[in-house]
Amino acid sequence: MKNIKLDKGWKYLLYFDFILPALLYVLAFVLNAPKLSILFHSYGMYVINPIPNFQTLTGIVGLLFHLGILGYTLYKRNFKDFAVSLAITAAIAAYFLFEINYIIIRPLNFA
């Protein structure tokens, strides 16, 4: 565990956009816990969603987070890291744009 370093932007995006939500999803599904289901859904809508909707206040934090990571990789002039981070951001944007998140949450218990 000591050799794992979060020194690249894509590593942050991978952790916050894929690994942490996957752990929340698995826990919510296995434990059949409504609070974890709500936490998973809220985390996705408010924290990692890079498509802002100012009426519902969703996606603002995600947009700032992704733009910050992309800007930092450009500032460091690490273009490979920028390309991978941009691909991850595009994949997450497509995930929310095509509303795949609503298909994934169907088996979760919210009541």
Protein backbone atom coordinates (compact mmCIF):
# COMPACT_ATOMS: atom_id res chain seq x y z
CA MET A 1 0.00 0.00 0.00
CA LYS A 2 2.92 2.39 0.55
CA ASN A 3 3.86 2.24 -3.14
CA ILE A 4 0.46 3.48 -4.33
CA LYS A 5 0.74 7.21 -4.99
CA LEU A 6 -1.96 9.54 -6.23
CA ASP A 7 0.43 11.71 -8.24
CA LYS A 8 -1.41 11.82 -11.57
CA GLY A 9 -4.74 13.42 -12.40
CA TRP A 10 -6.14 10.27 -13.96
CA LYS A 11 -5.50 8.39 -10.72
CA TYR A 12 -7.63 10.88 -8.79
CA LEU A 13 -10.37 10.62 -11.41
CA LEU A 14 -10.20 6.83 -11.41
CA TYR A 15 -10.52 6.74 -7.62
CA PHE A 16 -13.28 9.35 -7.21
CA ASP A 17 -15.24 8.46 -10.38
CA PHE A 18 -15.03 4.66 -10.45
CA ILE A 19 -13.55 2.94 -7.39
CA LEU A 20 -15.33 4.87 -4.62
CA PRO A 21 -18.76 4.75 -6.32
CA ALA A 22 -18.29 1.04 -7.07
CA LEU A 23 -17.57 0.35 -3.39
CA LEU A 24 -20.64 2.36 -2.36
CA TYR A 25 -22.78 0.53 -4.90
CA VAL A 26 -21.60 -2.92 -3.81
CA LEU A 27 -22.16 -2.09 -0.15
CA ALA A 28 -25.63 -0.68 -0.85
CA PHE A 29 -26.56 -3.70 -2.95
CA VAL A 30 -25.16 -6.39 -0.66
CA LEU A 31 -26.38 -4.84 2.60
CA ASN A 32 -29.71 -3.77 1.04
CA ALA A 33 -29.26 -0.46 2.88
CA PRO A 34 -31.45 2.46 1.78
CA LYS A 35 -29.10 5.06 3.28
CA LEU A 36 -26.15 3.69 1.32
CA SER A 37 -28.29 3.66 -1.82
CA ILE A 38 -29.17 7.30 -1.31
CA LEU A 39 -25.52 8.09 -0.58
CA PHE A 40 -24.43 6.35 -3.80
CA HIS A 41 -27.00 8.22 -5.88
CA SER A 42 -26.30 11.58 -4.26
CA TYR A 43 -22.54 11.12 -4.62
CA GLY A 44 -22.98 10.45 -8.32
CA MET A 45 -25.35 13.34 -8.97
CA TYR A 46 -23.65 16.00 -6.88
CA VAL A 47 -19.96 15.05 -6.73
CA ILE A 48 -18.87 13.24 -9.90
CA ASN A 49 -21.42 14.44 -12.45
CA PRO A 50 -19.50 16.85 -14.76
CA ILE A 51 -22.67 18.11 -16.50
CA PRO A 52 -24.00 21.03 -14.45
CA ASN A 53 -27.67 21.73 -13.95
CA PHE A 54 -27.99 25.00 -12.08
CA GLN A 55 -31.73 24.60 -11.45
CA THR A 56 -31.23 21.44 -9.39
CA LEU A 57 -27.66 22.30 -8.34
CA THR A 58 -26.30 18.98 -9.61
CA GLY A 59 -23.04 18.57 -11.41
CA ILE A 60 -21.42 21.80 -10.26
CA VAL A 61 -18.88 20.17 -7.94
CA GLY A 62 -18.16 17.48 -10.53
CA LEU A 63 -17.56 20.06 -13.25
CA LEU A 64 -15.19 22.05 -11.04
CA PHE A 65 -13.41 18.87 -9.95
CA HIS A 66 -12.90 17.60 -13.49
CA LEU A 67 -11.89 21.01 -14.83
CA GLY A 68 -9.47 21.39 -11.93
CA ILE A 69 -7.81 18.05 -12.65
CA LEU A 70 -7.63 18.80 -16.37
CA GLY A 71 -6.23 22.27 -15.71
CA TYR A 72 -3.66 20.92 -13.28
CA THR A 73 -2.43 18.35 -15.80
CA LEU A 74 -2.05 21.08 -18.42
CA TYR A 75 -0.27 23.31 -15.90
CA LYS A 76 2.20 20.48 -15.22
CA ARG A 77 2.53 19.98 -19.01
CA ASN A 78 1.82 16.29 -18.67
CA PHE A 79 -0.04 15.71 -21.91
CA LYS A 80 -0.38 11.93 -21.56
CA ASP A 81 -2.01 12.45 -18.17
CA PHE A 82 -4.24 15.12 -19.72
CA ALA A 83 -5.34 12.77 -22.49
CA VAL A 84 -6.20 9.97 -20.08
CA SER A 85 -7.97 12.39 -17.72
CA LEU A 86 -9.94 13.85 -20.62
CA ALA A 87 -10.98 10.36 -21.72
CA ILE A 88 -12.16 9.53 -18.18
CA THR A 89 -14.06 12.82 -18.00
CA ALA A 90 -15.69 12.12 -21.36
CA ALA A 91 -16.69 8.62 -20.23
CA ILE A 92 -18.24 9.97 -17.03
CA ALA A 93 -20.02 12.72 -18.97
CA ALA A 94 -21.45 10.09 -21.36
CA TYR A 95 -22.52 8.00 -18.34
CA PHE A 96 -24.64 10.89 -17.07
CA LEU A 97 -25.65 12.28 -20.47
CA PHE A 98 -27.16 8.97 -21.56
CA GLU A 99 -28.61 8.46 -18.04
CA ILE A 100 -26.94 5.11 -17.48
CA ASN A 101 -26.84 6.01 -13.78
CA TYR A 102 -30.62 5.55 -13.59
CA ILE A 103 -30.36 2.08 -15.11
CA ILE A 104 -27.69 1.07 -12.62
CA ILE A 105 -29.60 2.19 -9.51
CA ARG A 106 -32.72 0.13 -10.28
CA PRO A 107 -31.72 -2.88 -8.16
CA LEU A 108 -30.94 -0.70 -5.13
CA ASN A 109 -33.33 -0.35 -2.22
CA PHE A 110 -34.31 3.29 -1.57
CA ALA A 111 -37.18 2.65 0.84
